[in-house]
Amino acid sequence: MTAITAAPALPDRLVRALRDVHVTDDAATVRLGSRTVTSDNPREMRRLLAEALYDVLHAGQDVDKGDLPLNLRDESFEKQLAAVVPHRGTTTRVRALDAGDHTVAGDGPLLVERDGVRVWVPRDHVVDGDPAVPGGILTLRVAALRPALSPGFFMVDGSRPRPRGERTLRVYVHVTDARHAAPVWGRVLARLESDGVSYRSKALSARALYPRRDALVVYLTGEAADAAGAVAEAVRGAEGVGRETSVFTSELAPGVSVAEEPDDPRPAMSGLSFGQHRATATAHALLDAARGVGPLEELLAEALREAGADPAAPYRNLPRR
């Protein structure tokens, strides 16, 4: 068992949660809640523990993933979620690419880079910019609904394009039952559209994965981050909104919390979501403490700092050095 004492550098809520994580002295077995994780391979143990910490401390999820189907898509549930989206189209900025020998003349499709992916798009979807200039920035008319973009989630882009290259804030909403997901999400989307907010949002589209503290997520970039409070107002008193929040986040209201998108350039950490990122840093500290490297609170504070997170407020990032 790994002992931990409250330290000024860590939030009390995180410290209390870690008191329920028990690591054997050889760091080969970890118990947290109803979960037991075992492995005598250090690399594998870090991965398994990070996954368990993500489920228990961040998502608040207690699902035996071995019982889940390989394909989590549920078309009937996706239709319910799609029905509450108040718009169908949006615009996005893309980069025109030189298709070389594959260039299609006239009104044929156009090769562009969107979100880091090369795709062909109808030329008549361009609403601004010159498609004939390789490397030029174009504004493209696109579908707002993207049900298969994020595994297990239904993604929607707001009707107003999001700014790029700025700080992004995540807003999480705890939904206790899949039956309430569509109505709750509809309230959030309607409020954001009414307020003229630029955003991206996703709703958990796999019924078997409810409840989760991050069943609904709203991404707010730049000045749009000020709209986080509007999300909390939109779901206040709504049936199906729980009271739990991730221990790594900052609570705005019961069941609603915020966190900054991770800013960690290290190759092993750069592609992780917020919850995965903080859980991975925590897993490293727990296992190092069990092996006698040092006190857990000091190791965790250092692991968070190395990950670009503020140990006193893990929901936010440290300023870039």
Protein backbone atom coordinates (compact mmCIF):
# COMPACT_ATOMS: atom_id res chain seq x y z
CA MET A 1 0.00 0.00 0.00
CA THR A 2 1.28 3.46 -0.92
CA ALA A 3 0.78 6.10 1.74
CA ILE A 4 -0.03 9.67 0.81
CA THR A 5 -0.37 12.73 2.96
CA ALA A 6 -2.01 15.99 1.96
CA ALA A 7 0.49 18.36 0.40
CA PRO A 8 0.00 22.03 -0.42
CA ALA A 9 1.01 21.37 -4.04
CA LEU A 10 -1.91 19.00 -4.73
CA PRO A 11 -5.68 19.58 -4.48
CA ASP A 12 -7.34 17.84 -1.52
CA ARG A 13 -9.85 16.07 -3.75
CA LEU A 14 -7.12 14.37 -5.74
CA VAL A 15 -5.23 13.44 -2.57
CA ARG A 16 -8.36 11.85 -1.07
CA ALA A 17 -9.02 9.85 -4.23
CA LEU A 18 -5.48 8.49 -4.29
CA ARG A 19 -5.81 7.20 -0.74
CA ASP A 20 -8.11 4.54 -2.22
CA VAL A 21 -5.44 3.39 -4.67
CA HIS A 22 -3.38 0.55 -3.20
CA VAL A 23 -0.13 -0.52 -4.86
CA THR A 24 1.87 -3.53 -3.69
CA ASP A 25 5.54 -3.02 -2.85
CA ASP A 26 6.65 -4.79 -6.02
CA ALA A 27 4.34 -2.53 -8.09
CA ALA A 28 2.87 -5.62 -9.76
CA THR A 29 -0.67 -5.31 -8.38
CA VAL A 30 -2.89 -2.26 -7.92
CA ARG A 31 -6.37 -2.10 -6.39
CA LEU A 32 -8.64 0.89 -6.89
CA GLY A 33 -12.29 0.61 -6.05
CA SER A 34 -13.58 -2.64 -7.51
CA ARG A 35 -10.68 -2.80 -9.98
CA THR A 36 -7.57 -4.93 -9.63
CA VAL A 37 -4.75 -4.44 -12.11
CA THR A 38 -1.88 -6.91 -12.30
CA SER A 39 1.24 -7.20 -14.45
CA ASP A 40 4.89 -8.00 -13.84
CA ASN A 41 5.86 -5.97 -16.92
CA PRO A 42 6.49 -2.34 -15.85
CA ARG A 43 5.54 -0.84 -19.22
CA GLU A 44 2.34 -2.88 -19.42
CA MET A 45 1.48 -2.04 -15.82
CA ARG A 46 1.80 1.70 -16.50
CA ARG A 47 -0.57 1.37 -19.44
CA LEU A 48 -3.12 -0.74 -17.54
CA LEU A 49 -2.98 1.48 -14.46
CA ALA A 50 -3.38 4.66 -16.52
CA GLU A 51 -6.44 3.13 -18.18
CA ALA A 52 -7.93 2.16 -14.82
CA LEU A 53 -7.24 5.60 -13.33
CA TYR A 54 -8.88 7.19 -16.36
CA ASP A 55 -11.99 5.07 -15.90
CA VAL A 56 -12.29 5.44 -12.12
CA LEU A 57 -10.92 8.89 -11.28
CA HIS A 58 -11.78 10.77 -14.47
CA ALA A 59 -14.76 9.18 -16.25
CA GLY A 60 -16.33 7.58 -13.19
CA GLN A 61 -16.96 4.48 -15.27
CA ASP A 62 -17.40 0.97 -13.92
CA VAL A 63 -17.83 -1.19 -17.02
CA ASP A 64 -16.27 -4.57 -17.74
CA LYS A 65 -14.82 -3.76 -21.15
CA GLY A 66 -14.48 -7.45 -21.93
CA ASP A 67 -18.27 -7.61 -22.16
CA LEU A 68 -18.52 -4.76 -24.66
CA PRO A 69 -19.12 -5.41 -28.38
CA LEU A 70 -16.29 -4.66 -30.79
CA ASN A 71 -18.48 -2.16 -32.63
CA LEU A 72 -19.95 0.40 -30.23
CA ARG A 73 -21.90 2.30 -32.88
CA ASP A 74 -25.66 2.36 -32.27
CA GLU A 75 -27.54 3.83 -35.24
CA SER A 76 -30.85 4.22 -33.43
CA PHE A 77 -29.17 6.09 -30.57
CA GLU A 78 -27.20 8.22 -33.04
CA LYS A 79 -30.50 9.23 -34.68
CA GLN A 80 -31.80 10.41 -31.30
CA LEU A 81 -28.68 12.50 -30.79
CA ALA A 82 -28.78 13.89 -34.34
CA ALA A 83 -32.40 14.96 -33.88
CA VAL A 84 -31.51 17.49 -31.16
CA VAL A 85 -28.75 19.24 -33.13
CA PRO A 86 -30.22 22.63 -34.11
CA HIS A 87 -28.23 22.98 -37.36
CA ARG A 88 -26.86 20.77 -40.11
CA GLY A 89 -24.04 22.76 -41.68
CA THR A 90 -21.01 24.83 -40.76
CA THR A 91 -17.82 26.15 -42.34
CA THR A 92 -14.20 25.28 -41.72
CA ARG A 93 -10.82 26.47 -42.94
CA VAL A 94 -8.72 24.07 -45.00
CA ARG A 95 -5.50 24.27 -46.99
CA ALA A 96 -5.56 23.76 -50.76
CA LEU A 97 -3.07 21.12 -51.94
CA ASP A 98 -1.32 20.45 -55.23
CA ALA A 99 -2.76 17.17 -56.52
CA GLY A 100 -0.06 16.87 -59.21
CA ASP A 101 -1.02 14.38 -61.94
CA HIS A 102 -4.31 13.73 -60.13
CA THR A 103 -5.52 17.32 -60.53
CA VAL A 104 -9.08 17.43 -61.84
CA ALA A 105 -9.75 20.30 -64.20
CA GLY A 106 -12.84 22.48 -64.30
CA ASP A 107 -15.49 21.86 -61.69
CA GLY A 108 -14.01 18.56 -60.49
CA PRO A 109 -13.15 17.74 -56.87
CA LEU A 110 -10.41 19.57 -55.01
CA LEU A 111 -7.62 18.10 -52.84
CA VAL A 112 -7.33 19.84 -49.46
CA GLU A 113 -5.88 19.24 -46.01
CA ARG A 114 -8.48 19.25 -43.24
CA ASP A 115 -7.53 18.60 -39.62
CA GLY A 116 -4.23 17.12 -40.80
CA VAL A 117 -5.90 14.72 -43.27
CA ARG A 118 -5.75 14.94 -47.08
CA VAL A 119 -9.25 14.66 -48.56
CA TRP A 120 -11.03 15.33 -51.83
CA VAL A 121 -13.95 17.76 -51.57
CA PRO A 122 -16.50 19.13 -54.05
CA ARG A 123 -15.17 22.35 -55.55
CA ASP A 124 -18.54 24.06 -55.18
CA HIS A 125 -18.28 23.71 -51.38
CA VAL A 126 -15.62 26.44 -51.33
CA VAL A 127 -17.18 29.68 -50.09
CA ASP A 128 -14.02 31.78 -49.81
CA GLY A 129 -10.47 31.64 -51.15
CA ASP A 130 -8.86 30.65 -54.46
CA PRO A 131 -8.76 26.85 -55.03
CA ALA A 132 -6.16 27.34 -57.78
CA VAL A 133 -3.47 28.46 -55.32
CA PRO A 134 -1.71 25.47 -53.66
CA GLY A 135 -1.11 26.19 -49.99
CA GLY A 136 -3.81 28.81 -49.88
CA ILE A 137 -6.41 28.86 -47.12
CA LEU A 138 -9.99 28.15 -48.16
CA THR A 139 -13.26 28.39 -46.30
CA LEU A 140 -15.27 25.26 -46.96
CA ARG A 141 -18.94 24.48 -46.40
CA VAL A 142 -19.15 21.14 -44.55
CA ALA A 143 -21.56 18.98 -42.59
CA ALA A 144 -21.80 19.87 -38.90
CA LEU A 145 -22.68 16.33 -37.77
CA ARG A 146 -19.76 13.89 -37.59
CA PRO A 147 -21.05 10.72 -35.90
CA ALA A 148 -18.00 8.51 -36.52
CA LEU A 149 -15.15 10.97 -35.97
CA SER A 150 -14.44 10.05 -32.33
CA PRO A 151 -14.93 6.37 -31.36
CA GLY A 152 -17.92 5.96 -29.04
CA PHE A 153 -19.00 9.59 -29.44
CA PHE A 154 -21.22 11.65 -31.75
CA MET A 155 -19.36 14.84 -32.70
CA VAL A 156 -20.90 18.14 -33.79
CA ASP A 157 -19.27 21.38 -34.92
CA GLY A 158 -21.13 24.58 -34.13
CA SER A 159 -22.59 26.62 -36.97
CA ARG A 160 -19.85 29.23 -36.46
CA PRO A 161 -16.28 28.18 -37.29
CA ARG A 162 -13.88 27.72 -34.40
CA PRO A 163 -10.65 29.74 -34.24
CA ARG A 164 -7.39 27.83 -34.58
CA GLY A 165 -4.15 27.85 -32.64
CA GLU A 166 -5.54 29.12 -29.35
CA ARG A 167 -6.09 27.63 -25.91
CA THR A 168 -8.99 25.17 -25.82
CA LEU A 169 -11.13 24.59 -22.75
CA ARG A 170 -13.10 21.37 -22.29
CA VAL A 171 -16.43 21.46 -20.47
CA TYR A 172 -17.62 18.09 -19.13
CA VAL A 173 -21.19 17.14 -18.18
CA HIS A 174 -22.01 14.05 -16.11
CA VAL A 175 -24.99 12.17 -17.58
CA THR A 176 -26.33 9.26 -15.57
CA ASP A 177 -28.37 7.39 -18.18
CA ALA A 178 -28.40 7.15 -21.97
CA ARG A 179 -32.13 7.93 -21.99
CA HIS A 180 -31.40 11.49 -20.91
CA ALA A 181 -28.40 12.15 -23.15
CA ALA A 182 -30.23 13.60 -26.16
CA PRO A 183 -32.44 16.04 -24.20
CA VAL A 184 -29.50 17.26 -22.10
CA TRP A 185 -27.27 17.66 -25.14
CA GLY A 186 -30.04 19.47 -26.97
CA ARG A 187 -30.24 22.04 -24.16
CA VAL A 188 -26.50 22.64 -24.36
CA LEU A 189 -26.39 22.99 -28.14
CA ALA A 190 -29.44 25.25 -28.27
CA ARG A 191 -27.90 27.57 -25.67
CA LEU A 192 -24.55 27.77 -27.45
CA GLU A 193 -26.17 28.44 -30.82
CA SER A 194 -28.49 31.05 -29.30
CA ASP A 195 -25.51 32.82 -27.72
CA GLY A 196 -23.54 32.79 -30.98
CA VAL A 197 -20.69 30.71 -29.55
CA SER A 198 -18.07 28.96 -31.70
CA TYR A 199 -17.67 25.43 -30.36
CA ARG A 200 -17.28 21.73 -30.95
CA SER A 201 -19.19 19.21 -28.86
CA LYS A 202 -19.57 15.47 -28.54
CA ALA A 203 -22.01 13.15 -26.81
CA LEU A 204 -21.36 9.57 -25.73
CA SER A 205 -23.16 7.47 -28.34
CA ALA A 206 -22.64 4.01 -26.81
CA ARG A 207 -25.48 3.21 -24.41
CA ALA A 208 -23.43 0.56 -22.61
CA LEU A 209 -20.88 3.15 -21.46
CA TYR A 210 -23.29 5.25 -19.40
CA PRO A 211 -23.07 6.72 -16.80
CA ARG A 212 -19.96 8.83 -17.33
CA ARG A 213 -18.72 12.11 -15.93
CA ASP A 214 -17.64 13.07 -19.44
CA ALA A 215 -20.70 11.83 -21.32
CA LEU A 216 -21.04 15.28 -22.86
CA VAL A 217 -18.02 17.39 -23.78
CA VAL A 218 -17.93 20.92 -25.19
CA TYR A 219 -14.71 22.34 -26.67
CA LEU A 220 -14.38 26.12 -26.41
CA THR A 221 -11.40 27.82 -28.04
CA GLY A 222 -10.01 31.27 -27.34
CA GLU A 223 -12.57 33.85 -26.22
CA ALA A 224 -15.33 31.24 -26.51
CA ALA A 225 -14.02 29.76 -23.23
CA ASP A 226 -16.11 32.39 -21.46
CA ALA A 227 -19.19 30.37 -22.47
CA ALA A 228 -18.37 27.55 -20.04
CA GLY A 229 -20.75 29.05 -17.51
CA ALA A 230 -23.53 29.01 -20.11
CA VAL A 231 -23.16 25.23 -20.41
CA ALA A 232 -23.61 24.86 -16.65
CA GLU A 233 -26.68 27.10 -16.78
CA ALA A 234 -28.16 25.14 -19.68
CA VAL A 235 -28.11 21.82 -17.81
CA ARG A 236 -29.06 23.12 -14.37
CA GLY A 237 -32.00 21.08 -13.07
CA ALA A 238 -32.12 18.86 -16.17
CA GLU A 239 -33.17 15.26 -15.59
CA GLY A 240 -30.26 12.86 -15.99
CA VAL A 241 -27.49 15.29 -15.09
CA GLY A 242 -25.45 13.77 -12.27
CA ARG A 243 -23.39 15.44 -9.58
CA GLU A 244 -19.97 13.85 -10.10
CA THR A 245 -16.92 15.39 -11.77
CA SER A 246 -13.42 14.16 -12.60
CA VAL A 247 -10.89 14.64 -9.80
CA PHE A 248 -8.51 16.19 -12.34
CA THR A 249 -10.96 18.94 -13.38
CA SER A 250 -12.30 22.15 -11.86
CA GLU A 251 -15.97 21.93 -10.88
CA LEU A 252 -18.27 24.70 -12.13
CA ALA A 253 -21.48 23.18 -10.76
CA PRO A 254 -22.61 19.72 -9.64
CA GLY A 255 -21.89 17.43 -12.58
CA VAL A 256 -20.21 20.14 -14.68
CA SER A 257 -16.46 20.79 -14.77
CA VAL A 258 -13.75 22.28 -16.96
CA ALA A 259 -10.19 21.47 -17.99
CA GLU A 260 -7.67 22.82 -20.47
CA GLU A 261 -6.56 20.77 -23.45
CA PRO A 262 -3.16 19.23 -22.57
CA ASP A 263 -0.08 21.07 -23.82
CA ASP A 264 2.60 18.37 -23.66
CA PRO A 265 4.90 17.95 -26.69
CA ARG A 266 6.48 14.69 -25.54
CA PRO A 267 5.83 11.96 -28.16
CA ALA A 268 4.26 9.50 -25.72
CA MET A 269 1.89 12.13 -24.33
CA SER A 270 1.02 14.47 -27.19
CA GLY A 271 -1.89 12.45 -28.60
CA LEU A 272 -3.71 11.84 -25.33
CA SER A 273 -7.03 13.32 -24.27
CA PHE A 274 -7.13 15.39 -21.08
CA GLY A 275 -8.26 12.48 -18.89
CA GLN A 276 -5.78 10.05 -20.43
CA HIS A 277 -2.97 12.59 -20.07
CA ARG A 278 -3.50 13.28 -16.37
CA ALA A 279 -4.15 9.61 -15.61
CA THR A 280 -0.90 8.61 -17.31
CA ALA A 281 1.12 11.12 -15.27
CA THR A 282 -0.57 9.83 -12.10
CA ALA A 283 0.17 6.20 -12.98
CA HIS A 284 3.89 6.95 -13.35
CA ALA A 285 3.98 8.61 -9.93
CA LEU A 286 2.06 5.82 -8.18
CA LEU A 287 4.35 3.10 -9.51
CA ASP A 288 7.53 5.05 -8.78
CA ALA A 289 6.35 5.66 -5.22
CA ALA A 290 5.66 1.95 -4.73
CA ARG A 291 9.22 1.18 -5.82
CA GLY A 292 10.60 3.56 -3.21
CA VAL A 293 11.69 6.37 -5.53
CA GLY A 294 10.16 8.96 -3.19
CA PRO A 295 6.95 10.20 -1.49
CA LEU A 296 3.90 9.94 -3.74
CA GLU A 297 2.81 13.55 -3.35
CA GLU A 298 6.23 14.82 -4.42
CA LEU A 299 6.47 12.40 -7.33
CA LEU A 300 2.98 13.25 -8.56
CA ALA A 301 3.61 16.99 -8.35
CA GLU A 302 6.79 16.52 -10.38
CA ALA A 303 5.08 14.22 -12.91
CA LEU A 304 2.35 16.81 -13.44
CA ARG A 305 4.89 19.61 -13.86
CA GLU A 306 6.82 17.53 -16.41
CA ALA A 307 3.51 16.98 -18.22
CA GLY A 308 2.93 20.73 -18.38
CA ALA A 309 0.15 20.65 -15.76
CA ASP A 310 -0.21 22.77 -12.64
CA PRO A 311 0.07 20.41 -9.62
CA ALA A 312 -2.07 22.74 -7.49
CA ALA A 313 -4.78 22.83 -10.17
CA PRO A 314 -4.35 19.85 -12.53
CA TYR A 315 -7.19 21.04 -14.75
CA ARG A 316 -4.97 23.78 -16.15
CA ASN A 317 -1.61 23.91 -17.88
CA LEU A 318 1.54 25.63 -16.75
CA PRO A 319 2.78 28.52 -18.92
CA ARG A 320 5.16 27.36 -21.64
CA ARG A 321 8.79 27.96 -20.68
